[in-house]
Every structure is written in structure tokens, then in C-alpha cells.
Protein backbone atom coordinates (compact mmCIF):
# COMPACT_ATOMS: atom_id res chain seq x y z
CA MET A 1 152.19 135.19 -23.06
CA ARG A 2 152.80 136.33 -19.48
CA ALA A 3 153.70 133.56 -17.04
CA HIS A 4 155.06 133.31 -13.50
CA LEU A 5 157.66 131.39 -11.53
CA ALA A 6 157.18 130.77 -7.83
CA VAL A 7 158.55 128.56 -5.08
CA PHE A 8 156.02 127.34 -2.56
CA LYS A 9 155.73 124.89 0.30
CA LYS A 10 153.67 121.79 -0.47
CA LYS A 11 151.34 120.16 2.08
CA ASP A 12 154.04 117.59 2.90
CA GLY A 13 156.47 120.40 3.78
CA SER A 14 158.70 120.03 0.73
CA LEU A 15 159.38 122.95 -1.60
CA ARG A 16 158.31 123.05 -5.23
CA THR A 17 159.11 125.47 -8.02
CA MET A 18 156.27 125.98 -10.47
CA ARG A 19 156.16 127.82 -13.78
CA PHE A 20 152.54 128.70 -14.48
CA VAL A 21 150.09 130.87 -16.37
CA SER A 22 147.07 132.27 -14.54
CA LEU A 23 143.66 131.73 -16.12
CA ASP A 24 143.26 135.40 -17.03
CA ASN A 25 146.46 135.20 -19.14
CA LEU A 26 145.41 132.08 -21.07
CA PRO A 27 143.87 132.31 -24.54
CA GLU A 28 140.09 132.63 -24.29
CA ASP A 29 139.27 129.15 -25.61
CA PHE A 30 142.16 127.31 -23.91
CA PHE A 31 140.32 126.51 -20.66
CA THR A 32 137.27 125.06 -22.41
CA SER A 33 139.43 123.03 -24.78
CA GLN A 34 141.38 121.46 -21.89
CA THR A 35 138.53 120.59 -19.51
CA LYS A 36 135.73 118.05 -19.67
CA ASN A 37 133.24 120.21 -17.80
CA PRO A 38 134.30 123.89 -18.19
CA ASP A 39 131.06 125.18 -16.62
CA LYS A 40 131.66 123.37 -13.32
CA LYS A 41 132.41 125.83 -10.52
CA LEU A 42 135.46 125.06 -8.38
CA LYS A 43 135.43 125.75 -4.67
CA LEU A 44 138.95 126.85 -3.82
CA ALA A 45 140.33 127.83 -0.43
CA GLU A 46 141.04 131.49 0.20
CA GLY A 47 144.33 132.47 -1.43
CA SER A 48 144.18 129.61 -3.94
CA SER A 49 143.69 129.89 -7.68
CA LEU A 50 143.56 127.58 -10.66
CA VAL A 51 146.59 127.93 -12.96
CA TRP A 52 148.11 126.13 -15.95
CA ASP A 53 151.38 124.42 -14.92
CA LEU A 54 153.80 124.79 -17.85
CA ASP A 55 155.97 121.84 -16.79
CA LYS A 56 153.19 119.38 -15.91
CA GLN A 57 151.06 120.60 -18.86
CA ASN A 58 147.93 120.48 -16.73
CA PHE A 59 145.82 122.60 -14.41
CA ARG A 60 146.98 122.89 -10.80
CA VAL A 61 145.77 124.76 -7.73
CA PHE A 62 148.27 127.40 -6.65
CA ASN A 63 148.11 128.50 -2.99
CA LYS A 64 149.43 132.04 -2.65
CA ASN A 65 149.58 131.61 1.13
CA THR A 66 152.51 129.18 0.89
CA ILE A 67 154.82 131.21 -1.38
CA ILE A 68 158.50 131.34 -0.42
CA GLY A 69 160.09 134.57 -1.68
CA GLU A 70 158.81 136.57 -4.64
CA ILE A 71 156.78 135.57 -7.68
CA GLU A 72 158.78 136.29 -10.85
CA ALA A 73 157.12 137.20 -14.14
CA PHE A 74 158.37 136.09 -17.54
CA ASN A 75 157.08 135.66 -21.08
CA VAL A 76 156.56 132.29 -22.70
CA GLU A 77 156.48 131.85 -26.47
CA SER A 78 154.10 128.87 -26.56
CA PHE A 79 152.68 126.09 -24.40
CA GLU A 80 154.40 123.37 -26.39
CA ASN A 81 157.88 124.89 -26.30
CA SER A 82 157.67 126.83 -23.01
CA LYS A 83 160.80 128.84 -23.78
CA THR A 84 160.99 131.75 -21.40
CA THR A 85 162.03 135.37 -21.58
CA LYS A 86 162.34 137.00 -18.18
CA THR A 87 160.67 140.39 -17.67
CA ASN A 88 160.65 142.88 -14.82
């Protein structure tokens, strides 16, 4: 499964590195199985998207406007194991 690694600036000014999978790369039934109300529409700020955080094992909002550097892509074998294989 294709995943990403990015460093971004949090609201408090500190930096955070997040390994995440975007919703369009998740298995089709994953979102509905992990949410209580999958039909609820989220109102996200421009540049923000909902992603699955591989380390926190939960959904997070990722703000593309606060990225530091480049977003790196890699492959992950499974959600449980989260072993990574870097790709170009």
C-alpha cells in the first residue's frame, strides 16, 4: 500500500513527522469500518485532508500548507506491522 512521510509545523510551532496513508489509498471498506458515522461530511480548511496516521493508528487532519521540505512516498506491507519500503 502506498503511504507518505512528511514533516510539518503544528499549530503550537513544533515540528512533527507523520507517516500516513491518504484516503484514496486505503482499502475501500477501511474508512467505514473505522468510523462511527462514515456518511458525515467533514468541513476541512483549504489545503487540509483526512489521512490515516500509521503511528497513531487513527485518522488525522493533514495540512499541506504547513509542510517542511518534501513529502516522501513509500510502501507499507500492512497497517498492523507498518514495515516500510521506500520508493521513488
